[in-house]
Amino acid sequence: MLVSSNAYLPPSPVAPMFLLISNITKAVNAVVTVTTQNKYVVGQLLHFSVPQSYGMYQIDKLIGEILYIDTTNLIFTTNIDSTQFDTFVTPSTYQEQPASAASYGSRNIYNFTSLPFHSINGMQGN
């Protein structure tokens, strides 16, 4: 019997790689509604990918910080001022690229306040 010498690494809580966006408000602090439960946290940075067919193309490629999270309604309040942006719309036809938000930068490695330290390989430390 062959026994593996690789150590078992317990799963580590991670945020999804990206979240699909169903709405973004025009506001001093844009409110973003997503379609999936997630583990994103206040202070985390988001990179937006919003094709022109979704209307609010001005937010495309911007980086915003999460200021508030409503986990019940899957809503993030961000520090992006979208008051002068076009209105977000959901296209009536199929789009190859959906509107999405993804974590951005090393600041998003883990939640300092409620999760233990996580090294790059997912192992927990102190």
C-alpha atoms as a PDB file:
ATOM      1  CA  MET A   1       0.000   0.000   0.000  1.00  0.00           C
ATOM      2  CA  LEU A   2       1.381   3.369  -1.035  1.00  0.00           C
ATOM      3  CA  VAL A   3       0.991   6.118   1.553  1.00  0.00           C
ATOM      4  CA  SER A   4       1.192   9.750   0.483  1.00  0.00           C
ATOM      5  CA  SER A   5       3.674  11.941   2.286  1.00  0.00           C
ATOM      6  CA  ASN A   6       1.724  15.108   1.534  1.00  0.00           C
ATOM      7  CA  ALA A   7       0.306  16.772   4.636  1.00  0.00           C
ATOM      8  CA  TYR A   8      -3.444  17.341   4.734  1.00  0.00           C
ATOM      9  CA  LEU A   9      -4.310  21.029   4.466  1.00  0.00           C
ATOM     10  CA  PRO A  10      -7.694  21.866   6.001  1.00  0.00           C
ATOM     11  CA  PRO A  11     -10.014  24.031   3.897  1.00  0.00           C
ATOM     12  CA  SER A  12      -9.645  27.747   4.393  1.00  0.00           C
ATOM     13  CA  PRO A  13     -12.586  30.184   4.182  1.00  0.00           C
ATOM     14  CA  VAL A  14     -12.237  32.181   0.987  1.00  0.00           C
ATOM     15  CA  ALA A  15     -14.384  34.642  -0.873  1.00  0.00           C
ATOM     16  CA  PRO A  16     -15.666  33.553  -4.304  1.00  0.00           C
ATOM     17  CA  MET A  17     -13.304  34.603  -7.098  1.00  0.00           C
ATOM     18  CA  PHE A  18     -15.951  36.978  -8.411  1.00  0.00           C
ATOM     19  CA  LEU A  19     -19.566  37.945  -7.809  1.00  0.00           C
ATOM     20  CA  LEU A  20     -22.206  38.582 -10.456  1.00  0.00           C
ATOM     21  CA  ILE A  21     -23.817  42.008 -10.155  1.00  0.00           C
ATOM     22  CA  SER A  22     -27.590  42.400 -10.502  1.00  0.00           C
ATOM     23  CA  ASN A  23     -27.775  46.140  -9.723  1.00  0.00           C
ATOM     24  CA  ILE A  24     -25.714  49.240  -8.921  1.00  0.00           C
ATOM     25  CA  THR A  25     -27.324  52.451  -7.664  1.00  0.00           C
ATOM     26  CA  LYS A  26     -26.455  55.981  -8.728  1.00  0.00           C
ATOM     27  CA  ALA A  27     -25.315  57.411  -5.376  1.00  0.00           C
ATOM     28  CA  VAL A  28     -22.448  59.186  -3.615  1.00  0.00           C
ATOM     29  CA  ASN A  29     -21.652  55.737  -2.197  1.00  0.00           C
ATOM     30  CA  ALA A  30     -22.696  53.269  -4.902  1.00  0.00           C
ATOM     31  CA  VAL A  31     -24.753  50.357  -3.557  1.00  0.00           C
ATOM     32  CA  VAL A  32     -24.002  47.092  -5.352  1.00  0.00           C
ATOM     33  CA  THR A  33     -26.382  44.115  -5.305  1.00  0.00           C
ATOM     34  CA  VAL A  34     -24.849  40.709  -6.062  1.00  0.00           C
ATOM     35  CA  THR A  35     -26.435  37.335  -6.769  1.00  0.00           C
ATOM     36  CA  THR A  36     -24.461  35.028  -4.453  1.00  0.00           C
ATOM     37  CA  GLN A  37     -23.813  34.604  -0.740  1.00  0.00           C
ATOM     38  CA  ASN A  38     -20.152  35.336  -0.034  1.00  0.00           C
ATOM     39  CA  LYS A  39     -17.540  36.019   2.635  1.00  0.00           C
ATOM     40  CA  TYR A  40     -16.513  39.509   1.543  1.00  0.00           C
ATOM     41  CA  VAL A  41     -15.809  41.925   4.412  1.00  0.00           C
ATOM     42  CA  VAL A  42     -15.929  45.651   5.190  1.00  0.00           C
ATOM     43  CA  GLY A  43     -12.652  47.261   4.102  1.00  0.00           C
ATOM     44  CA  GLN A  44     -12.137  44.796   1.261  1.00  0.00           C
ATOM     45  CA  LEU A  45     -11.371  46.208  -2.169  1.00  0.00           C
ATOM     46  CA  LEU A  46     -13.442  45.289  -5.226  1.00  0.00           C
ATOM     47  CA  HIS A  47     -12.484  45.480  -8.901  1.00  0.00           C
ATOM     48  CA  PHE A  48     -15.506  46.092 -11.140  1.00  0.00           C
ATOM     49  CA  SER A  49     -16.010  44.608 -14.582  1.00  0.00           C
ATOM     50  CA  VAL A  50     -19.130  46.089 -16.181  1.00  0.00           C
ATOM     51  CA  PRO A  51     -19.553  45.848 -19.968  1.00  0.00           C
ATOM     52  CA  GLN A  52     -21.153  48.790 -21.773  1.00  0.00           C
ATOM     53  CA  SER A  53     -24.328  46.764 -22.430  1.00  0.00           C
ATOM     54  CA  TYR A  54     -25.112  47.062 -18.678  1.00  0.00           C
ATOM     55  CA  GLY A  55     -25.361  50.836 -18.917  1.00  0.00           C
ATOM     56  CA  MET A  56     -23.063  51.890 -16.074  1.00  0.00           C
ATOM     57  CA  TYR A  57     -19.873  51.295 -18.058  1.00  0.00           C
ATOM     58  CA  GLN A  58     -18.132  54.186 -16.223  1.00  0.00           C
ATOM     59  CA  ILE A  59     -17.588  51.909 -13.198  1.00  0.00           C
ATOM     60  CA  ASP A  60     -15.778  49.345 -15.369  1.00  0.00           C
ATOM     61  CA  LYS A  61     -12.204  48.736 -14.143  1.00  0.00           C
ATOM     62  CA  LEU A  62     -12.643  50.955 -11.061  1.00  0.00           C
ATOM     63  CA  ILE A  63     -11.488  49.804  -7.621  1.00  0.00           C
ATOM     64  CA  GLY A  64     -13.826  50.483  -4.701  1.00  0.00           C
ATOM     65  CA  GLU A  65     -13.743  49.779  -0.982  1.00  0.00           C
ATOM     66  CA  ILE A  66     -16.609  48.027   0.801  1.00  0.00           C
ATOM     67  CA  LEU A  67     -17.958  50.401   3.465  1.00  0.00           C
ATOM     68  CA  TYR A  68     -21.027  48.417   4.591  1.00  0.00           C
ATOM     69  CA  ILE A  69     -22.473  44.962   3.953  1.00  0.00           C
ATOM     70  CA  ASP A  70     -26.108  43.839   4.133  1.00  0.00           C
ATOM     71  CA  THR A  71     -25.710  40.043   4.026  1.00  0.00           C
ATOM     72  CA  THR A  72     -29.460  39.414   4.063  1.00  0.00           C
ATOM     73  CA  ASN A  73     -30.026  41.277   0.800  1.00  0.00           C
ATOM     74  CA  LEU A  74     -26.583  40.614  -0.744  1.00  0.00           C
ATOM     75  CA  ILE A  75     -25.757  44.334  -0.858  1.00  0.00           C
ATOM     76  CA  PHE A  76     -22.419  46.187  -0.563  1.00  0.00           C
ATOM     77  CA  THR A  77     -22.110  49.932  -0.047  1.00  0.00           C
ATOM     78  CA  THR A  78     -18.895  51.216  -1.647  1.00  0.00           C
ATOM     79  CA  ASN A  79     -16.836  54.394  -1.650  1.00  0.00           C
ATOM     80  CA  ILE A  80     -17.430  54.965  -5.387  1.00  0.00           C
ATOM     81  CA  ASP A  81     -19.421  58.067  -6.348  1.00  0.00           C
ATOM     82  CA  SER A  82     -21.670  56.884  -9.200  1.00  0.00           C
ATOM     83  CA  THR A  83     -24.007  59.922  -9.244  1.00  0.00           C
ATOM     84  CA  GLN A  84     -22.791  61.016 -12.691  1.00  0.00           C
ATOM     85  CA  PHE A  85     -22.679  57.496 -14.184  1.00  0.00           C
ATOM     86  CA  ASP A  86     -25.261  56.071 -16.573  1.00  0.00           C
ATOM     87  CA  THR A  87     -28.033  53.986 -14.993  1.00  0.00           C
ATOM     88  CA  PHE A  88     -27.245  50.269 -14.485  1.00  0.00           C
ATOM     89  CA  VAL A  89     -29.520  48.045 -16.585  1.00  0.00           C
ATOM     90  CA  THR A  90     -29.735  44.317 -17.151  1.00  0.00           C
ATOM     91  CA  PRO A  91     -29.504  43.589 -20.885  1.00  0.00           C
ATOM     92  CA  SER A  92     -32.512  41.830 -22.386  1.00  0.00           C
ATOM     93  CA  THR A  93     -30.334  39.495 -24.442  1.00  0.00           C
ATOM     94  CA  TYR A  94     -27.639  37.015 -23.459  1.00  0.00           C
ATOM     95  CA  GLN A  95     -24.245  38.591 -22.736  1.00  0.00           C
ATOM     96  CA  GLU A  96     -20.987  36.638 -22.965  1.00  0.00           C
ATOM     97  CA  GLN A  97     -19.439  38.765 -20.236  1.00  0.00           C
ATOM     98  CA  PRO A  98     -21.615  39.458 -17.177  1.00  0.00           C
ATOM     99  CA  ALA A  99     -21.253  42.446 -14.871  1.00  0.00           C
ATOM    100  CA  SER A 100     -19.095  41.318 -11.964  1.00  0.00           C
ATOM    101  CA  ALA A 101     -16.996  42.385  -8.985  1.00  0.00           C
ATOM    102  CA  ALA A 102     -13.903  40.574  -7.744  1.00  0.00           C
ATOM    103  CA  SER A 103     -11.592  40.949  -4.779  1.00  0.00           C
ATOM    104  CA  TYR A 104      -8.609  43.154  -5.493  1.00  0.00           C
ATOM    105  CA  GLY A 105      -5.131  43.277  -3.980  1.00  0.00           C
ATOM    106  CA  SER A 106      -3.314  41.641  -1.091  1.00  0.00           C
ATOM    107  CA  ARG A 107      -5.476  43.538   1.388  1.00  0.00           C
ATOM    108  CA  ASN A 108      -8.098  40.829   0.798  1.00  0.00           C
ATOM    109  CA  ILE A 109      -6.133  37.833   2.091  1.00  0.00           C
ATOM    110  CA  TYR A 110      -8.212  37.362   5.244  1.00  0.00           C
ATOM    111  CA  ASN A 111     -10.540  39.034   7.727  1.00  0.00           C
ATOM    112  CA  PHE A 112      -8.347  40.359  10.569  1.00  0.00           C
ATOM    113  CA  THR A 113     -11.177  40.625  13.104  1.00  0.00           C
ATOM    114  CA  SER A 114     -12.941  37.264  12.929  1.00  0.00           C
ATOM    115  CA  LEU A 115     -10.660  34.748  11.203  1.00  0.00           C
ATOM    116  CA  PRO A 116      -7.277  33.434  12.319  1.00  0.00           C
ATOM    117  CA  PHE A 117      -4.212  34.160  10.202  1.00  0.00           C
ATOM    118  CA  HIS A 118      -4.120  32.221   6.912  1.00  0.00           C
ATOM    119  CA  SER A 119      -0.838  31.666   5.142  1.00  0.00           C
ATOM    120  CA  ILE A 120      -0.606  31.463   1.383  1.00  0.00           C
ATOM    121  CA  ASN A 121      -1.043  27.663   1.451  1.00  0.00           C
ATOM    122  CA  GLY A 122      -4.254  27.868   3.482  1.00  0.00           C
ATOM    123  CA  MET A 123      -2.813  26.583   6.763  1.00  0.00           C
ATOM    124  CA  GLN A 124      -3.952  28.405   9.888  1.00  0.00           C
ATOM    125  CA  GLY A 125      -1.339  29.907  12.186  1.00  0.00           C
ATOM    126  CA  ASN A 126      -1.262  32.180  15.190  1.00  0.00           C
END
